[in-house]
Amino acid sequence: QIALGRLLRVVWLVPVMDRLWVEGAADRRRFLDRMTLSFDPDHA
């Protein structure tokens, strides 16, 4: 799966993320790591 990050950068917003700023830190880390992966494919 890691090889996929070197071909295509995918970032998403879904309705459950509307509460991203008020709920637990785990989802915010995943959101940040998804964007980080778009710049650095080796991040995964």
All heavy atoms as atom14 arrays in JSON, in Angstrom:
{
  "sequence": "QIALGRLLRVVWLVPVMDRLWVEGAADRRRFLDRMTLSFDPDHA",
  "atom14_mask": [
    [1, 1, 1, 1, 1, 1, 1, 1, 1, 0, 0, 0, 0, 0],
    [1, 1, 1, 1, 1, 1, 1, 1, 0, 0, 0, 0, 0, 0],
    [1, 1, 1, 1, 1, 0, 0, 0, 0, 0, 0, 0, 0, 0],
    [1, 1, 1, 1, 1, 1, 1, 1, 0, 0, 0, 0, 0, 0],
    [1, 1, 1, 1, 0, 0, 0, 0, 0, 0, 0, 0, 0, 0],
    [1, 1, 1, 1, 1, 1, 1, 1, 1, 1, 1, 0, 0, 0],
    [1, 1, 1, 1, 1, 1, 1, 1, 0, 0, 0, 0, 0, 0],
    [1, 1, 1, 1, 1, 1, 1, 1, 0, 0, 0, 0, 0, 0],
    [1, 1, 1, 1, 1, 1, 1, 1, 1, 1, 1, 0, 0, 0],
    [1, 1, 1, 1, 1, 1, 1, 0, 0, 0, 0, 0, 0, 0],
    [1, 1, 1, 1, 1, 1, 1, 0, 0, 0, 0, 0, 0, 0],
    [1, 1, 1, 1, 1, 1, 1, 1, 1, 1, 1, 1, 1, 1],
    [1, 1, 1, 1, 1, 1, 1, 1, 0, 0, 0, 0, 0, 0],
    [1, 1, 1, 1, 1, 1, 1, 0, 0, 0, 0, 0, 0, 0],
    [1, 1, 1, 1, 1, 1, 1, 0, 0, 0, 0, 0, 0, 0],
    [1, 1, 1, 1, 1, 1, 1, 0, 0, 0, 0, 0, 0, 0],
    [1, 1, 1, 1, 1, 1, 1, 1, 0, 0, 0, 0, 0, 0],
    [1, 1, 1, 1, 1, 1, 1, 1, 0, 0, 0, 0, 0, 0],
    [1, 1, 1, 1, 1, 1, 1, 1, 1, 1, 1, 0, 0, 0],
    [1, 1, 1, 1, 1, 1, 1, 1, 0, 0, 0, 0, 0, 0],
    [1, 1, 1, 1, 1, 1, 1, 1, 1, 1, 1, 1, 1, 1],
    [1, 1, 1, 1, 1, 1, 1, 0, 0, 0, 0, 0, 0, 0],
    [1, 1, 1, 1, 1, 1, 1, 1, 1, 0, 0, 0, 0, 0],
    [1, 1, 1, 1, 0, 0, 0, 0, 0, 0, 0, 0, 0, 0],
    [1, 1, 1, 1, 1, 0, 0, 0, 0, 0, 0, 0, 0, 0],
    [1, 1, 1, 1, 1, 0, 0, 0, 0, 0, 0, 0, 0, 0],
    [1, 1, 1, 1, 1, 1, 1, 1, 0, 0, 0, 0, 0, 0],
    [1, 1, 1, 1, 1, 1, 1, 1, 1, 1, 1, 0, 0, 0],
    [1, 1, 1, 1, 1, 1, 1, 1, 1, 1, 1, 0, 0, 0],
    [1, 1, 1, 1, 1, 1, 1, 1, 1, 1, 1, 0, 0, 0],
    [1, 1, 1, 1, 1, 1, 1, 1, 1, 1, 1, 0, 0, 0],
    [1, 1, 1, 1, 1, 1, 1, 1, 0, 0, 0, 0, 0, 0],
    [1, 1, 1, 1, 1, 1, 1, 1, 0, 0, 0, 0, 0, 0],
    [1, 1, 1, 1, 1, 1, 1, 1, 1, 1, 1, 0, 0, 0],
    [1, 1, 1, 1, 1, 1, 1, 1, 0, 0, 0, 0, 0, 0],
    [1, 1, 1, 1, 1, 1, 1, 0, 0, 0, 0, 0, 0, 0],
    [1, 1, 1, 1, 1, 1, 1, 1, 0, 0, 0, 0, 0, 0],
    [1, 1, 1, 1, 1, 1, 0, 0, 0, 0, 0, 0, 0, 0],
    [1, 1, 1, 1, 1, 1, 1, 1, 1, 1, 1, 0, 0, 0],
    [1, 1, 1, 1, 1, 1, 1, 1, 0, 0, 0, 0, 0, 0],
    [1, 1, 1, 1, 1, 1, 1, 0, 0, 0, 0, 0, 0, 0],
    [1, 1, 1, 1, 1, 1, 1, 1, 0, 0, 0, 0, 0, 0],
    [1, 1, 1, 1, 1, 1, 1, 1, 1, 1, 0, 0, 0, 0],
    [1, 1, 1, 1, 1, 0, 0, 0, 0, 0, 0, 0, 0, 0]
  ],
  "atom14_positions": [
    [[0.82, -1.2, 0.0], [0.0, 0.0, 0.0], [0.86, 1.26, 0.0], [0.47, 2.28, -0.59], [-0.92, 0.02, 1.22], [-2.02, -1.01, 1.2], [-2.97, -0.82, 2.37], [-3.24, 0.31, 2.8], [-3.48, -1.91, 2.91], [0.0, 0.0, 0.0], [0.0, 0.0, 0.0], [0.0, 0.0, 0.0], [0.0, 0.0, 0.0], [0.0, 0.0, 0.0]],
    [[2.0, 1.2, 0.64], [2.86, 2.39, 0.74], [3.24, 2.91, -0.64], [3.36, 4.12, -0.85], [4.1, 2.06, 1.59], [3.69, 1.87, 3.05], [5.16, 3.15, 1.48], [4.78, 1.36, 3.95], [0.0, 0.0, 0.0], [0.0, 0.0, 0.0], [0.0, 0.0, 0.0], [0.0, 0.0, 0.0], [0.0, 0.0, 0.0], [0.0, 0.0, 0.0]],
    [[3.39, 2.0, -1.61], [3.76, 2.42, -2.96], [2.69, 3.3, -3.6], [2.98, 4.11, -4.5], [4.02, 1.19, -3.84], [0.0, 0.0, 0.0], [0.0, 0.0, 0.0], [0.0, 0.0, 0.0], [0.0, 0.0, 0.0], [0.0, 0.0, 0.0], [0.0, 0.0, 0.0], [0.0, 0.0, 0.0], [0.0, 0.0, 0.0], [0.0, 0.0, 0.0]],
    [[1.43, 3.18, -3.14], [0.36, 4.0, -3.7], [0.61, 5.49, -3.46], [0.27, 6.33, -4.29], [-0.98, 3.61, -3.08], [-1.49, 2.19, -3.38], [-2.73, 1.89, -2.54], [-1.8, 2.03, -4.85], [0.0, 0.0, 0.0], [0.0, 0.0, 0.0], [0.0, 0.0, 0.0], [0.0, 0.0, 0.0], [0.0, 0.0, 0.0], [0.0, 0.0, 0.0]],
    [[1.19, 5.81, -2.3], [1.44, 7.21, -1.96], [2.42, 7.9, -2.89], [2.46, 9.13, -2.96], [0.0, 0.0, 0.0], [0.0, 0.0, 0.0], [0.0, 0.0, 0.0], [0.0, 0.0, 0.0], [0.0, 0.0, 0.0], [0.0, 0.0, 0.0], [0.0, 0.0, 0.0], [0.0, 0.0, 0.0], [0.0, 0.0, 0.0], [0.0, 0.0, 0.0]],
    [[3.22, 7.12, -3.6], [4.19, 7.7, -4.53], [3.58, 7.96, -5.9], [4.18, 8.63, -6.72], [5.4, 6.78, -4.65], [6.11, 6.54, -3.32], [7.4, 5.75, -3.48], [8.05, 5.58, -2.18], [7.94, 4.5, -1.42], [7.19, 3.47, -1.83], [8.55, 4.42, -0.24], [0.0, 0.0, 0.0], [0.0, 0.0, 0.0], [0.0, 0.0, 0.0]],
    [[2.38, 7.41, -6.14], [1.71, 7.6, -7.43], [0.62, 8.65, -7.38], [0.47, 9.45, -8.3], [1.08, 6.28, -7.89], [1.98, 5.22, -8.49], [1.12, 4.08, -9.04], [2.86, 5.78, -9.6], [0.0, 0.0, 0.0], [0.0, 0.0, 0.0], [0.0, 0.0, 0.0], [0.0, 0.0, 0.0], [0.0, 0.0, 0.0], [0.0, 0.0, 0.0]],
    [[-0.16, 8.62, -6.31], [-1.35, 9.46, -6.26], [-1.49, 10.06, -4.87], [-1.35, 9.37, -3.87], [-2.58, 8.61, -6.58], [-3.81, 9.3, -7.18], [-3.45, 9.94, -8.52], [-4.93, 8.29, -7.36], [0.0, 0.0, 0.0], [0.0, 0.0, 0.0], [0.0, 0.0, 0.0], [0.0, 0.0, 0.0], [0.0, 0.0, 0.0], [0.0, 0.0, 0.0]],
    [[-1.77, 11.35, -4.81], [-1.99, 12.04, -3.54], [-3.5, 12.26, -3.39], [-4.12, 12.9, -4.24], [-1.24, 13.36, -3.51], [0.27, 13.19, -3.64], [0.94, 14.51, -3.99], [2.39, 14.4, -3.93], [3.16, 13.99, -4.92], [2.61, 13.65, -6.08], [4.46, 13.93, -4.78], [0.0, 0.0, 0.0], [0.0, 0.0, 0.0], [0.0, 0.0, 0.0]],
    [[-4.06, 11.75, -2.32], [-5.51, 11.82, -2.12], [-5.79, 12.44, -0.75], [-5.28, 11.97, 0.26], [-6.15, 10.42, -2.2], [-7.67, 10.54, -2.13], [-5.75, 9.7, -3.49], [0.0, 0.0, 0.0], [0.0, 0.0, 0.0], [0.0, 0.0, 0.0], [0.0, 0.0, 0.0], [0.0, 0.0, 0.0], [0.0, 0.0, 0.0], [0.0, 0.0, 0.0]],
    [[-6.6, 13.5, -0.74], [-6.99, 14.19, 0.49], [-8.51, 14.28, 0.49], [-9.12, 14.49, -0.55], [-6.38, 15.6, 0.56], [-6.84, 16.33, 1.81], [-4.85, 15.52, 0.53], [0.0, 0.0, 0.0], [0.0, 0.0, 0.0], [0.0, 0.0, 0.0], [0.0, 0.0, 0.0], [0.0, 0.0, 0.0], [0.0, 0.0, 0.0], [0.0, 0.0, 0.0]],
    [[-9.14, 14.09, 1.68], [-10.6, 14.11, 1.7], [-11.17, 14.86, 2.88], [-10.54, 15.04, 3.91], [-11.15, 12.69, 1.68], [-10.67, 11.77, 2.76], [-11.05, 11.72, 4.06], [-9.69, 10.72, 2.6], [-10.39, 10.72, 4.72], [-9.56, 10.08, 3.85], [-8.93, 10.25, 1.52], [-8.69, 9.0, 4.05], [-8.06, 9.18, 1.73], [-7.95, 8.58, 2.97]],
    [[-12.42, 15.3, 2.65], [-13.27, 15.85, 3.7], [-14.59, 15.12, 3.64], [-15.22, 15.04, 2.58], [-13.52, 17.35, 3.5], [-12.37, 18.32, 3.78], [-12.82, 19.75, 3.52], [-11.89, 18.18, 5.21], [0.0, 0.0, 0.0], [0.0, 0.0, 0.0], [0.0, 0.0, 0.0], [0.0, 0.0, 0.0], [0.0, 0.0, 0.0], [0.0, 0.0, 0.0]],
    [[-15.0, 14.56, 4.77], [-16.28, 13.85, 4.85], [-17.06, 14.43, 6.02], [-16.5, 15.06, 6.92], [-16.05, 12.33, 5.03], [-15.37, 11.75, 3.8], [-15.2, 12.04, 6.27], [0.0, 0.0, 0.0], [0.0, 0.0, 0.0], [0.0, 0.0, 0.0], [0.0, 0.0, 0.0], [0.0, 0.0, 0.0], [0.0, 0.0, 0.0], [0.0, 0.0, 0.0]],
    [[-18.4, 14.25, 6.03], [-19.21, 14.9, 7.07], [-18.77, 14.62, 8.49], [-18.89, 15.5, 9.36], [-20.61, 14.35, 6.78], [-20.62, 14.11, 5.32], [-19.25, 13.62, 5.0], [0.0, 0.0, 0.0], [0.0, 0.0, 0.0], [0.0, 0.0, 0.0], [0.0, 0.0, 0.0], [0.0, 0.0, 0.0], [0.0, 0.0, 0.0], [0.0, 0.0, 0.0]],
    [[-18.27, 13.42, 8.77], [-17.87, 13.11, 10.14], [-16.73, 14.01, 10.6], [-16.54, 14.22, 11.81], [-17.47, 11.62, 10.26], [-16.16, 11.33, 9.55], [-17.4, 11.19, 11.72], [0.0, 0.0, 0.0], [0.0, 0.0, 0.0], [0.0, 0.0, 0.0], [0.0, 0.0, 0.0], [0.0, 0.0, 0.0], [0.0, 0.0, 0.0], [0.0, 0.0, 0.0]],
    [[-15.98, 14.58, 9.65], [-14.86, 15.46, 9.99], [-15.33, 16.87, 10.34], [-14.51, 17.7, 10.75], [-13.86, 15.5, 8.83], [-13.18, 14.16, 8.6], [-12.23, 14.1, 7.04], [-10.94, 15.29, 7.4], [0.0, 0.0, 0.0], [0.0, 0.0, 0.0], [0.0, 0.0, 0.0], [0.0, 0.0, 0.0], [0.0, 0.0, 0.0], [0.0, 0.0, 0.0]],
    [[-16.62, 17.15, 10.18], [-17.11, 18.47, 10.56], [-16.86, 18.77, 12.03], [-16.82, 19.93, 12.44], [-18.61, 18.6, 10.25], [-18.9, 18.65, 8.75], [-17.93, 18.81, 7.98], [-20.08, 18.52, 8.37], [0.0, 0.0, 0.0], [0.0, 0.0, 0.0], [0.0, 0.0, 0.0], [0.0, 0.0, 0.0], [0.0, 0.0, 0.0], [0.0, 0.0, 0.0]],
    [[-16.69, 17.72, 12.84], [-16.43, 17.89, 14.26], [-14.95, 17.66, 14.59], [-14.59, 17.42, 15.75], [-17.31, 16.93, 15.07], [-18.79, 17.26, 14.97], [-19.64, 16.36, 15.86], [-19.21, 16.39, 17.26], [-19.53, 17.33, 18.12], [-20.28, 18.36, 17.74], [-19.11, 17.29, 19.37], [0.0, 0.0, 0.0], [0.0, 0.0, 0.0], [0.0, 0.0, 0.0]],
    [[-14.11, 17.76, 13.58], [-12.69, 17.48, 13.76], [-12.06, 18.32, 14.86], [-11.23, 17.84, 15.63], [-11.94, 17.73, 12.44], [-10.48, 17.3, 12.41], [-10.37, 15.79, 12.21], [-9.72, 18.01, 11.28], [0.0, 0.0, 0.0], [0.0, 0.0, 0.0], [0.0, 0.0, 0.0], [0.0, 0.0, 0.0], [0.0, 0.0, 0.0], [0.0, 0.0, 0.0]],
    [[-12.46, 19.6, 14.95], [-11.8, 20.51, 15.88], [-12.28, 20.36, 17.32], [-11.66, 20.91, 18.23], [-12.0, 21.96, 15.44], [-11.52, 22.23, 14.05], [-12.28, 22.64, 12.99], [-10.19, 22.11, 13.56], [-11.49, 22.76, 11.87], [-10.2, 22.45, 12.19], [-8.97, 21.73, 14.14], [-9.06, 22.44, 11.39], [-7.82, 21.71, 13.34], [-7.88, 22.06, 12.0]],
    [[-13.37, 19.62, 17.53], [-13.92, 19.55, 18.88], [-13.84, 18.15, 19.48], [-14.16, 17.98, 20.66], [-15.4, 20.04, 18.91], [-15.47, 21.49, 18.51], [-16.29, 19.18, 18.02], [0.0, 0.0, 0.0], [0.0, 0.0, 0.0], [0.0, 0.0, 0.0], [0.0, 0.0, 0.0], [0.0, 0.0, 0.0], [0.0, 0.0, 0.0], [0.0, 0.0, 0.0]],
    [[-13.43, 17.17, 18.71], [-13.35, 15.82, 19.24], [-11.9, 15.41, 19.48], [-11.03, 16.26, 19.64], [-14.11, 14.86, 18.32], [-15.6, 15.2, 18.29], [-16.46, 14.11, 17.7], [-15.95, 13.25, 16.97], [-17.69, 14.14, 17.97], [0.0, 0.0, 0.0], [0.0, 0.0, 0.0], [0.0, 0.0, 0.0], [0.0, 0.0, 0.0], [0.0, 0.0, 0.0]],
    [[-11.61, 14.11, 19.52], [-10.3, 13.63, 19.93], [-9.18, 13.96, 18.97], [-9.39, 14.24, 17.79], [0.0, 0.0, 0.0], [0.0, 0.0, 0.0], [0.0, 0.0, 0.0], [0.0, 0.0, 0.0], [0.0, 0.0, 0.0], [0.0, 0.0, 0.0], [0.0, 0.0, 0.0], [0.0, 0.0, 0.0], [0.0, 0.0, 0.0], [0.0, 0.0, 0.0]],
    [[-7.95, 13.9, 19.5], [-6.77, 14.26, 18.72], [-6.44, 13.26, 17.63], [-5.77, 13.61, 16.64], [-5.56, 14.41, 19.66], [0.0, 0.0, 0.0], [0.0, 0.0, 0.0], [0.0, 0.0, 0.0], [0.0, 0.0, 0.0], [0.0, 0.0, 0.0], [0.0, 0.0, 0.0], [0.0, 0.0, 0.0], [0.0, 0.0, 0.0], [0.0, 0.0, 0.0]],
    [[-6.87, 12.01, 17.76], [-6.5, 10.97, 16.79], [-6.93, 11.34, 15.38], [-6.16, 11.17, 14.42], [-7.09, 9.63, 17.2], [0.0, 0.0, 0.0], [0.0, 0.0, 0.0], [0.0, 0.0, 0.0], [0.0, 0.0, 0.0], [0.0, 0.0, 0.0], [0.0, 0.0, 0.0], [0.0, 0.0, 0.0], [0.0, 0.0, 0.0], [0.0, 0.0, 0.0]],
    [[-8.15, 11.86, 15.23], [-8.63, 12.23, 13.89], [-7.86, 13.41, 13.34], [-7.62, 13.5, 12.13], [-10.13, 12.55, 13.93], [-10.97, 11.29, 14.1], [-10.49, 10.2, 13.75], [-12.12, 11.41, 14.6], [0.0, 0.0, 0.0], [0.0, 0.0, 0.0], [0.0, 0.0, 0.0], [0.0, 0.0, 0.0], [0.0, 0.0, 0.0], [0.0, 0.0, 0.0]],
    [[-7.46, 14.35, 14.2], [-6.68, 15.49, 13.72], [-5.29, 15.03, 13.27], [-4.74, 15.54, 12.29], [-6.58, 16.56, 14.82], [-7.89, 17.3, 15.05], [-7.72, 18.49, 15.98], [-7.49, 18.08, 17.37], [-8.45, 17.79, 18.24], [-9.71, 17.82, 17.86], [-8.16, 17.46, 19.48], [0.0, 0.0, 0.0], [0.0, 0.0, 0.0], [0.0, 0.0, 0.0]],
    [[-4.71, 14.07, 13.99], [-3.41, 13.52, 13.54], [-3.55, 12.86, 12.18], [-2.69, 13.04, 11.31], [-2.87, 12.52, 14.56], [-2.27, 13.12, 15.8], [-1.48, 12.1, 16.58], [-2.3, 10.98, 17.04], [-2.97, 10.96, 18.19], [-2.93, 12.01, 18.99], [-3.68, 9.9, 18.54], [0.0, 0.0, 0.0], [0.0, 0.0, 0.0], [0.0, 0.0, 0.0]],
    [[-4.63, 12.08, 11.98], [-4.83, 11.42, 10.69], [-5.01, 12.44, 9.58], [-4.5, 12.27, 8.46], [-6.03, 10.47, 10.75], [-5.69, 9.13, 11.39], [-6.79, 8.11, 11.15], [-7.96, 8.39, 11.94], [-8.17, 7.9, 13.16], [-7.28, 7.11, 13.71], [-9.27, 8.19, 13.82], [0.0, 0.0, 0.0], [0.0, 0.0, 0.0], [0.0, 0.0, 0.0]],
    [[-5.75, 13.52, 9.87], [-5.95, 14.59, 8.89], [-4.62, 15.23, 8.51], [-4.31, 15.42, 7.32], [-6.91, 15.63, 9.48], [-7.18, 16.81, 8.6], [-7.83, 16.66, 7.39], [-6.79, 18.09, 8.99], [-8.09, 17.76, 6.58], [-7.05, 19.19, 8.2], [-7.71, 19.02, 6.98], [0.0, 0.0, 0.0], [0.0, 0.0, 0.0], [0.0, 0.0, 0.0]],
    [[-3.8, 15.53, 9.51], [-2.49, 16.11, 9.24], [-1.59, 15.13, 8.5], [-0.89, 15.52, 7.55], [-1.84, 16.54, 10.56], [-0.4, 17.07, 10.47], [-0.3, 18.26, 9.51], [0.12, 17.45, 11.85], [0.0, 0.0, 0.0], [0.0, 0.0, 0.0], [0.0, 0.0, 0.0], [0.0, 0.0, 0.0], [0.0, 0.0, 0.0], [0.0, 0.0, 0.0]],
    [[-1.6, 13.87, 8.89], [-0.75, 12.89, 8.24], [-1.16, 12.66, 6.8], [-0.31, 12.38, 5.94], [-0.75, 11.57, 9.02], [0.11, 11.62, 10.26], [1.03, 12.46, 10.31], [-0.13, 10.83, 11.2], [0.0, 0.0, 0.0], [0.0, 0.0, 0.0], [0.0, 0.0, 0.0], [0.0, 0.0, 0.0], [0.0, 0.0, 0.0], [0.0, 0.0, 0.0]],
    [[-2.46, 12.76, 6.5], [-2.9, 12.62, 5.11], [-2.33, 13.74, 4.26], [-1.87, 13.51, 3.13], [-4.43, 12.63, 5.08], [-5.08, 12.59, 3.72], [-4.77, 11.38, 2.91], [-4.92, 10.12, 3.63], [-4.66, 8.93, 3.12], [-4.21, 8.85, 1.88], [-4.81, 7.83, 3.82], [0.0, 0.0, 0.0], [0.0, 0.0, 0.0], [0.0, 0.0, 0.0]],
    [[-2.33, 14.97, 4.77], [-1.73, 16.08, 4.03], [-0.21, 15.94, 3.97], [0.4, 16.23, 2.93], [-2.14, 17.42, 4.67], [-3.62, 17.74, 4.51], [-4.07, 19.44, 4.98], [-3.87, 19.33, 6.75], [0.0, 0.0, 0.0], [0.0, 0.0, 0.0], [0.0, 0.0, 0.0], [0.0, 0.0, 0.0], [0.0, 0.0, 0.0], [0.0, 0.0, 0.0]],
    [[0.4, 15.49, 5.06], [1.85, 15.29, 5.06], [2.26, 14.27, 4.01], [3.27, 14.44, 3.31], [2.32, 14.83, 6.45], [1.94, 15.82, 7.42], [3.83, 14.64, 6.49], [0.0, 0.0, 0.0], [0.0, 0.0, 0.0], [0.0, 0.0, 0.0], [0.0, 0.0, 0.0], [0.0, 0.0, 0.0], [0.0, 0.0, 0.0], [0.0, 0.0, 0.0]],
    [[1.47, 13.22, 3.86], [1.74, 12.19, 2.87], [1.73, 12.77, 1.46], [2.48, 12.31, 0.58], [0.69, 11.08, 2.99], [0.81, 9.88, 2.04], [2.12, 9.14, 2.27], [-0.38, 8.95, 2.24], [0.0, 0.0, 0.0], [0.0, 0.0, 0.0], [0.0, 0.0, 0.0], [0.0, 0.0, 0.0], [0.0, 0.0, 0.0], [0.0, 0.0, 0.0]],
    [[0.92, 13.79, 1.22], [0.87, 14.38, -0.11], [2.18, 15.08, -0.46], [2.55, 15.16, -1.63], [-0.3, 15.37, -0.21], [-0.06, 16.57, 0.51], [0.0, 0.0, 0.0], [0.0, 0.0, 0.0], [0.0, 0.0, 0.0], [0.0, 0.0, 0.0], [0.0, 0.0, 0.0], [0.0, 0.0, 0.0], [0.0, 0.0, 0.0], [0.0, 0.0, 0.0]],
    [[2.9, 15.58, 0.54], [4.19, 16.22, 0.31], [5.35, 15.23, 0.4], [6.36, 15.38, -0.28], [4.42, 17.34, 1.33], [3.43, 18.46, 1.25], [2.5, 18.66, 2.25], [3.42, 19.32, 0.16], [1.57, 19.68, 2.19], [2.5, 20.36, 0.08], [1.57, 20.54, 1.09], [0.0, 0.0, 0.0], [0.0, 0.0, 0.0], [0.0, 0.0, 0.0]],
    [[5.21, 14.25, 1.27], [6.29, 13.3, 1.55], [5.74, 11.88, 1.45], [5.23, 11.34, 2.43], [6.86, 13.56, 2.95], [7.96, 12.58, 3.34], [8.4, 11.8, 2.47], [8.37, 12.6, 4.52], [0.0, 0.0, 0.0], [0.0, 0.0, 0.0], [0.0, 0.0, 0.0], [0.0, 0.0, 0.0], [0.0, 0.0, 0.0], [0.0, 0.0, 0.0]],
    [[5.83, 11.24, 0.27], [5.27, 9.89, 0.1], [5.86, 8.85, 1.05], [5.24, 7.81, 1.28], [5.61, 9.56, -1.36], [5.77, 10.88, -2.04], [6.37, 11.77, -0.99], [0.0, 0.0, 0.0], [0.0, 0.0, 0.0], [0.0, 0.0, 0.0], [0.0, 0.0, 0.0], [0.0, 0.0, 0.0], [0.0, 0.0, 0.0], [0.0, 0.0, 0.0]],
    [[7.06, 9.11, 1.6], [7.67, 8.16, 2.52], [7.12, 8.28, 3.94], [7.47, 7.48, 4.81], [9.19, 8.36, 2.56], [9.85, 7.97, 1.24], [9.33, 7.05, 0.57], [10.86, 8.59, 0.86], [0.0, 0.0, 0.0], [0.0, 0.0, 0.0], [0.0, 0.0, 0.0], [0.0, 0.0, 0.0], [0.0, 0.0, 0.0], [0.0, 0.0, 0.0]],
    [[6.27, 9.28, 4.16], [5.73, 9.49, 5.51], [4.94, 8.28, 6.0], [5.0, 7.93, 7.19], [4.86, 10.75, 5.54], [4.36, 11.13, 6.89], [5.19, 11.52, 7.92], [3.09, 11.18, 7.4], [4.47, 11.8, 9.0], [3.2, 11.59, 8.71], [0.0, 0.0, 0.0], [0.0, 0.0, 0.0], [0.0, 0.0, 0.0], [0.0, 0.0, 0.0]],
    [[4.2, 7.63, 5.1], [3.41, 6.47, 5.5], [4.31, 5.36, 6.04], [3.99, 4.72, 7.04], [2.59, 5.95, 4.32], [0.0, 0.0, 0.0], [0.0, 0.0, 0.0], [0.0, 0.0, 0.0], [0.0, 0.0, 0.0], [0.0, 0.0, 0.0], [0.0, 0.0, 0.0], [0.0, 0.0, 0.0], [0.0, 0.0, 0.0], [0.0, 0.0, 0.0]]
  ]
}
